[in-house]
N, C-alpha and C. Protein backbone atom coordinates (compact mmCIF):
# COMPACT_ATOMS: atom_id res chain seq x y z
N MET A 1 198.76 110.91 208.71
CA MET A 1 198.54 111.30 207.34
C MET A 1 199.56 110.58 206.49
N THR A 2 199.11 109.98 205.42
CA THR A 2 200.03 109.32 204.51
C THR A 2 199.89 109.93 203.13
N ALA A 3 200.96 109.86 202.37
CA ALA A 3 200.93 110.39 201.01
C ALA A 3 201.71 109.45 200.12
N LYS A 4 201.17 109.16 198.98
CA LYS A 4 201.87 108.32 198.01
C LYS A 4 201.72 108.95 196.64
N ASP A 5 202.80 108.91 195.86
CA ASP A 5 202.73 109.37 194.48
C ASP A 5 202.29 108.20 193.63
N ILE A 6 201.37 108.48 192.73
CA ILE A 6 200.97 107.44 191.79
C ILE A 6 201.24 107.95 190.40
N GLY A 7 201.61 107.08 189.54
CA GLY A 7 201.77 107.41 188.14
C GLY A 7 200.81 106.55 187.35
N THR A 8 200.12 107.15 186.42
CA THR A 8 199.18 106.36 185.63
C THR A 8 199.92 105.63 184.53
N ARG A 9 199.30 104.60 184.04
CA ARG A 9 199.93 103.76 183.04
C ARG A 9 200.09 104.52 181.72
N GLY A 10 201.32 104.58 181.22
CA GLY A 10 201.57 105.11 179.90
C GLY A 10 201.45 106.62 179.78
N SER A 11 201.42 107.37 180.87
CA SER A 11 201.35 108.82 180.76
C SER A 11 202.35 109.43 181.73
N THR A 12 202.44 110.74 181.69
CA THR A 12 203.40 111.43 182.54
C THR A 12 202.73 112.03 183.76
N ALA A 13 201.64 111.43 184.22
CA ALA A 13 200.87 111.98 185.34
C ALA A 13 201.53 111.65 186.67
N THR A 14 201.61 112.64 187.54
CA THR A 14 202.05 112.44 188.90
C THR A 14 201.03 113.10 189.80
N VAL A 15 200.32 112.28 190.55
CA VAL A 15 199.28 112.78 191.44
C VAL A 15 199.53 112.21 192.82
N ARG A 16 199.55 113.08 193.80
CA ARG A 16 199.76 112.66 195.18
C ARG A 16 198.41 112.43 195.83
N VAL A 17 198.26 111.29 196.48
CA VAL A 17 197.04 110.95 197.20
C VAL A 17 197.34 111.00 198.69
N ARG A 18 196.65 111.89 199.41
CA ARG A 18 196.84 112.04 200.85
C ARG A 18 195.60 111.56 201.57
N THR A 19 195.81 110.82 202.65
CA THR A 19 194.68 110.35 203.46
C THR A 19 194.85 110.86 204.87
N GLU A 20 193.73 111.14 205.51
CA GLU A 20 193.74 111.64 206.88
C GLU A 20 192.62 110.95 207.64
N GLY A 21 192.90 110.56 208.86
CA GLY A 21 191.90 109.86 209.67
C GLY A 21 192.08 108.36 209.55
N GLU A 22 191.03 107.63 209.86
CA GLU A 22 191.07 106.17 209.86
C GLU A 22 190.76 105.63 208.47
N VAL A 23 191.73 105.71 207.58
CA VAL A 23 191.57 105.22 206.20
C VAL A 23 192.42 103.96 206.07
N ASP A 24 191.76 102.84 205.80
CA ASP A 24 192.52 101.58 205.67
C ASP A 24 193.22 101.54 204.31
N GLU A 25 194.18 100.65 204.20
CA GLU A 25 195.01 100.56 202.99
C GLU A 25 194.20 100.09 201.79
N GLU A 26 193.21 99.23 201.99
CA GLU A 26 192.38 98.76 200.88
C GLU A 26 191.59 99.91 200.26
N SER A 27 191.04 100.78 201.09
CA SER A 27 190.29 101.95 200.59
C SER A 27 191.22 102.91 199.87
N ALA A 28 192.40 103.12 200.42
CA ALA A 28 193.37 104.02 199.78
C ALA A 28 193.82 103.45 198.44
N ALA A 29 194.02 102.15 198.36
CA ALA A 29 194.42 101.53 197.09
C ALA A 29 193.32 101.66 196.05
N TYR A 30 192.07 101.46 196.46
CA TYR A 30 190.95 101.60 195.53
C TYR A 30 190.85 103.05 195.04
N LEU A 31 191.06 104.00 195.93
CA LEU A 31 191.03 105.41 195.56
C LEU A 31 192.14 105.73 194.56
N ARG A 32 193.36 105.23 194.82
CA ARG A 32 194.46 105.46 193.88
C ARG A 32 194.16 104.87 192.51
N GLU A 33 193.55 103.69 192.50
CA GLU A 33 193.19 103.05 191.23
C GLU A 33 192.17 103.89 190.47
N LYS A 34 191.15 104.39 191.15
CA LYS A 34 190.11 105.18 190.50
C LYS A 34 190.66 106.51 189.98
N VAL A 35 191.52 107.16 190.76
CA VAL A 35 192.13 108.41 190.31
C VAL A 35 193.01 108.15 189.10
N GLY A 36 193.76 107.05 189.14
CA GLY A 36 194.62 106.70 188.01
C GLY A 36 193.83 106.46 186.74
N THR A 37 192.69 105.77 186.84
CA THR A 37 191.90 105.51 185.63
C THR A 37 191.22 106.78 185.12
N ALA A 38 190.91 107.72 186.01
CA ALA A 38 190.30 108.97 185.56
C ALA A 38 191.30 109.82 184.76
N LEU A 39 192.58 109.68 185.09
CA LEU A 39 193.59 110.51 184.43
C LEU A 39 194.37 109.76 183.37
N ASP A 40 194.07 108.50 183.15
CA ASP A 40 194.79 107.68 182.16
C ASP A 40 194.13 107.83 180.80
N ARG A 41 194.52 108.88 180.10
CA ARG A 41 193.95 109.15 178.77
C ARG A 41 195.07 109.48 177.81
N PRO A 42 195.05 108.90 176.64
CA PRO A 42 196.08 109.26 175.66
C PRO A 42 195.85 110.68 175.15
N GLY A 43 196.93 111.40 174.94
CA GLY A 43 196.84 112.74 174.38
C GLY A 43 196.64 113.85 175.38
N LEU A 44 196.62 113.54 176.67
CA LEU A 44 196.49 114.60 177.67
C LEU A 44 197.83 115.30 177.87
N PRO A 45 197.80 116.60 178.13
CA PRO A 45 199.05 117.26 178.51
C PRO A 45 199.52 116.74 179.87
N PRO A 46 200.70 117.14 180.31
CA PRO A 46 201.19 116.66 181.61
C PRO A 46 200.20 116.96 182.74
N VAL A 47 200.01 115.96 183.61
CA VAL A 47 199.04 116.04 184.71
C VAL A 47 199.79 115.94 186.03
N SER A 48 199.46 116.83 186.96
CA SER A 48 200.04 116.77 188.30
C SER A 48 199.02 117.33 189.28
N GLY A 49 199.20 117.02 190.54
CA GLY A 49 198.28 117.56 191.53
C GLY A 49 198.19 116.70 192.77
N GLU A 50 197.08 116.92 193.49
CA GLU A 50 196.92 116.25 194.77
C GLU A 50 195.46 115.92 195.01
N VAL A 51 195.23 114.73 195.59
CA VAL A 51 193.90 114.31 196.02
C VAL A 51 193.97 114.10 197.52
N ARG A 52 193.05 114.72 198.26
CA ARG A 52 193.01 114.60 199.71
C ARG A 52 191.72 113.91 200.12
N VAL A 53 191.85 112.89 200.96
CA VAL A 53 190.69 112.15 201.46
C VAL A 53 190.79 112.09 202.97
N SER A 54 189.66 112.34 203.62
CA SER A 54 189.65 112.25 205.08
C SER A 54 188.37 111.56 205.53
N ARG A 55 188.49 110.94 206.68
CA ARG A 55 187.35 110.27 207.29
C ARG A 55 187.13 110.89 208.66
N ALA A 56 185.90 111.34 208.90
CA ALA A 56 185.58 111.95 210.19
C ALA A 56 185.61 110.89 211.27
N SER A 57 186.13 111.25 212.43
CA SER A 57 186.21 110.28 213.52
C SER A 57 184.91 110.22 214.32
N ALA A 58 184.07 111.23 214.21
CA ALA A 58 182.79 111.24 214.93
C ALA A 58 181.83 110.24 214.28
N HIS A 59 181.16 109.46 215.10
CA HIS A 59 180.27 108.42 214.58
C HIS A 59 178.90 108.95 214.18
N HIS A 60 178.55 110.13 214.60
CA HIS A 60 177.22 110.67 214.30
C HIS A 60 177.16 111.43 212.97
N VAL A 61 178.26 111.52 212.25
CA VAL A 61 178.30 112.25 210.99
C VAL A 61 177.63 111.40 209.91
N ALA A 62 176.71 112.00 209.15
CA ALA A 62 175.97 111.26 208.12
C ALA A 62 176.87 110.86 206.95
N LEU A 63 177.74 111.76 206.54
CA LEU A 63 178.65 111.48 205.42
C LEU A 63 180.09 111.66 205.92
N PRO A 64 180.67 110.62 206.51
CA PRO A 64 181.98 110.78 207.14
C PRO A 64 183.15 110.89 206.17
N TRP A 65 182.99 110.45 204.95
CA TRP A 65 184.08 110.46 203.98
C TRP A 65 184.00 111.73 203.14
N SER A 66 185.10 112.47 203.09
CA SER A 66 185.14 113.66 202.25
C SER A 66 186.45 113.66 201.48
N GLY A 67 186.41 114.23 200.30
CA GLY A 67 187.60 114.26 199.47
C GLY A 67 187.59 115.46 198.55
N GLY A 68 188.77 115.85 198.16
CA GLY A 68 188.93 116.96 197.24
C GLY A 68 190.16 116.73 196.39
N ALA A 69 190.13 117.26 195.20
CA ALA A 69 191.27 117.10 194.29
C ALA A 69 191.54 118.42 193.58
N GLU A 70 192.80 118.75 193.47
CA GLU A 70 193.26 119.88 192.67
C GLU A 70 194.28 119.32 191.69
N ILE A 71 193.85 119.17 190.45
CA ILE A 71 194.67 118.54 189.43
C ILE A 71 194.98 119.56 188.35
N ARG A 72 196.24 119.70 188.00
CA ARG A 72 196.66 120.58 186.94
C ARG A 72 196.83 119.76 185.67
N VAL A 73 196.05 120.09 184.65
CA VAL A 73 196.11 119.42 183.35
C VAL A 73 196.67 120.44 182.36
N GLY A 74 197.96 120.29 182.06
CA GLY A 74 198.61 121.31 181.24
C GLY A 74 198.62 122.61 182.03
N GLY A 75 197.99 123.65 181.48
CA GLY A 75 197.90 124.93 182.16
C GLY A 75 196.58 125.16 182.86
N ASP A 76 195.68 124.20 182.83
CA ASP A 76 194.35 124.35 183.42
C ASP A 76 194.27 123.61 184.75
N LEU A 77 193.44 124.15 185.65
CA LEU A 77 193.25 123.56 186.97
C LEU A 77 191.85 122.94 187.05
N VAL A 78 191.80 121.68 187.45
CA VAL A 78 190.53 120.98 187.67
C VAL A 78 190.39 120.76 189.17
N VAL A 79 189.31 121.28 189.74
CA VAL A 79 189.06 121.17 191.19
C VAL A 79 187.74 120.44 191.39
N VAL A 80 187.76 119.38 192.20
CA VAL A 80 186.54 118.63 192.50
C VAL A 80 186.47 118.35 194.00
N HIS A 81 185.24 118.25 194.51
CA HIS A 81 185.00 117.94 195.91
C HIS A 81 183.86 116.93 195.99
N ALA A 82 183.87 116.10 197.02
CA ALA A 82 182.79 115.13 197.21
C ALA A 82 182.71 114.73 198.68
N ARG A 83 181.51 114.34 199.11
CA ARG A 83 181.26 113.78 200.45
C ARG A 83 180.35 112.58 200.26
N GLU A 84 180.70 111.47 200.88
CA GLU A 84 179.93 110.24 200.74
C GLU A 84 179.92 109.46 202.05
N ALA A 85 179.10 108.41 202.07
CA ALA A 85 178.94 107.58 203.27
C ALA A 85 180.03 106.52 203.38
N THR A 86 180.55 106.02 202.26
CA THR A 86 181.58 104.98 202.30
C THR A 86 182.77 105.39 201.43
N ALA A 87 183.89 104.71 201.65
CA ALA A 87 185.10 105.02 200.90
C ALA A 87 184.95 104.68 199.42
N ARG A 88 184.29 103.57 199.11
CA ARG A 88 184.11 103.19 197.70
C ARG A 88 183.21 104.18 196.96
N GLU A 89 182.14 104.63 197.63
CA GLU A 89 181.27 105.62 197.00
C GLU A 89 182.02 106.93 196.77
N LEU A 90 182.87 107.32 197.72
CA LEU A 90 183.66 108.53 197.56
C LEU A 90 184.63 108.39 196.40
N ALA A 91 185.31 107.26 196.31
CA ALA A 91 186.25 107.04 195.21
C ALA A 91 185.53 107.07 193.86
N ASP A 92 184.36 106.44 193.79
CA ASP A 92 183.60 106.45 192.54
C ASP A 92 183.14 107.86 192.17
N ARG A 93 182.68 108.62 193.16
CA ARG A 93 182.22 109.99 192.90
C ARG A 93 183.37 110.89 192.45
N LEU A 94 184.52 110.77 193.13
CA LEU A 94 185.69 111.56 192.72
C LEU A 94 186.14 111.17 191.32
N HIS A 95 186.08 109.88 191.01
CA HIS A 95 186.43 109.41 189.67
C HIS A 95 185.54 110.06 188.62
N ASP A 96 184.23 110.03 188.85
CA ASP A 96 183.29 110.61 187.89
C ASP A 96 183.53 112.10 187.71
N ARG A 97 183.72 112.81 188.80
CA ARG A 97 183.91 114.26 188.71
C ARG A 97 185.25 114.62 188.10
N LEU A 98 186.30 113.86 188.43
CA LEU A 98 187.60 114.10 187.80
C LEU A 98 187.54 113.83 186.30
N ARG A 99 186.91 112.74 185.94
CA ARG A 99 186.78 112.39 184.52
C ARG A 99 186.05 113.48 183.75
N ALA A 100 184.94 113.99 184.32
CA ALA A 100 184.19 115.05 183.66
C ALA A 100 185.01 116.33 183.56
N GLY A 101 185.74 116.68 184.61
CA GLY A 101 186.57 117.89 184.57
C GLY A 101 187.69 117.78 183.56
N VAL A 102 188.33 116.62 183.50
CA VAL A 102 189.41 116.42 182.53
C VAL A 102 188.86 116.42 181.11
N ASP A 103 187.69 115.81 180.90
CA ASP A 103 187.05 115.86 179.58
C ASP A 103 186.76 117.29 179.17
N ARG A 104 186.25 118.08 180.10
CA ARG A 104 185.92 119.47 179.81
C ARG A 104 187.17 120.24 179.39
N VAL A 105 188.27 120.03 180.12
CA VAL A 105 189.52 120.72 179.80
C VAL A 105 190.10 120.21 178.49
N ALA A 106 190.06 118.91 178.28
CA ALA A 106 190.67 118.32 177.09
C ALA A 106 189.92 118.70 175.80
N HIS A 107 188.61 118.86 175.91
CA HIS A 107 187.81 119.15 174.72
C HIS A 107 187.35 120.61 174.66
N ARG A 108 187.99 121.47 175.43
CA ARG A 108 187.60 122.87 175.44
C ARG A 108 187.75 123.50 174.05
N ASP A 109 188.79 123.15 173.32
CA ASP A 109 188.99 123.71 171.98
C ASP A 109 187.90 123.27 171.01
N ASP A 110 187.31 122.10 171.25
CA ASP A 110 186.25 121.62 170.36
C ASP A 110 184.97 122.43 170.52
N THR A 111 184.75 123.00 171.69
CA THR A 111 183.49 123.70 171.95
C THR A 111 183.62 125.21 171.90
N VAL A 112 184.79 125.70 171.52
CA VAL A 112 184.97 127.14 171.44
C VAL A 112 184.05 127.69 170.36
N ARG A 113 183.47 128.82 170.64
CA ARG A 113 182.55 129.41 169.68
C ARG A 113 183.32 129.82 168.43
N ARG A 114 182.87 129.36 167.33
CA ARG A 114 183.51 129.67 166.06
C ARG A 114 182.70 130.75 165.34
N THR A 115 183.40 131.50 164.54
CA THR A 115 182.69 132.52 163.78
C THR A 115 181.94 131.86 162.64
N ALA A 116 180.87 132.49 162.27
CA ALA A 116 180.07 131.98 161.16
C ALA A 116 180.79 132.28 159.85
N VAL A 117 180.37 131.60 158.83
CA VAL A 117 180.93 131.86 157.50
C VAL A 117 180.56 133.30 157.12
N PRO A 118 181.52 134.07 156.60
CA PRO A 118 181.19 135.45 156.26
C PRO A 118 180.15 135.52 155.14
N PRO A 119 179.37 136.56 155.12
CA PRO A 119 178.37 136.70 154.07
C PRO A 119 179.04 136.92 152.71
N PRO A 120 178.29 136.71 151.62
CA PRO A 120 178.88 136.83 150.28
C PRO A 120 179.53 138.20 150.02
N TRP A 121 178.98 139.27 150.58
CA TRP A 121 179.56 140.59 150.30
C TRP A 121 180.85 140.83 151.07
N ARG A 122 181.24 139.87 151.92
CA ARG A 122 182.51 139.98 152.64
C ARG A 122 183.48 138.87 152.23
N GLY A 123 183.29 138.29 151.13
CA GLY A 123 184.22 137.27 150.63
C GLY A 123 183.82 135.85 150.95
N GLY A 124 182.62 135.63 151.43
CA GLY A 124 182.14 134.29 151.72
C GLY A 124 181.77 133.55 150.46
N PRO A 125 181.29 132.34 150.57
CA PRO A 125 180.95 131.56 149.37
C PRO A 125 179.81 132.20 148.58
N GLN A 126 179.96 132.19 147.27
CA GLN A 126 178.94 132.73 146.37
C GLN A 126 177.99 131.63 145.99
N LYS A 127 176.69 131.92 145.99
CA LYS A 127 175.70 130.90 145.62
C LYS A 127 175.50 130.84 144.15
């Protein structure tokens, strides 16, 4: 099992990437790059967490690559899981799911239900 800390460009993100099984360095580097680009966003609160990737040693498994991530964005937790046939497909899938989770957390305040304008008898705009 190997673990490396990666920091994304221009942010305060620290994410540990752990690999288990027969994961070559090229696949691990591609995974670190994809995780870094998913979390490299201006204006995000501090990001920390861990991404775990493993490859099944059995040859009869249909989707031998599996991965999961638990990323803390500020005070919110983003959890994603994926299973794929190749390391590149797994990295791309984790990237997409991480990006969507971080977008959801980052824009949560934009989608909060707002109250309607009060009616005129409660101090709202008069027509």
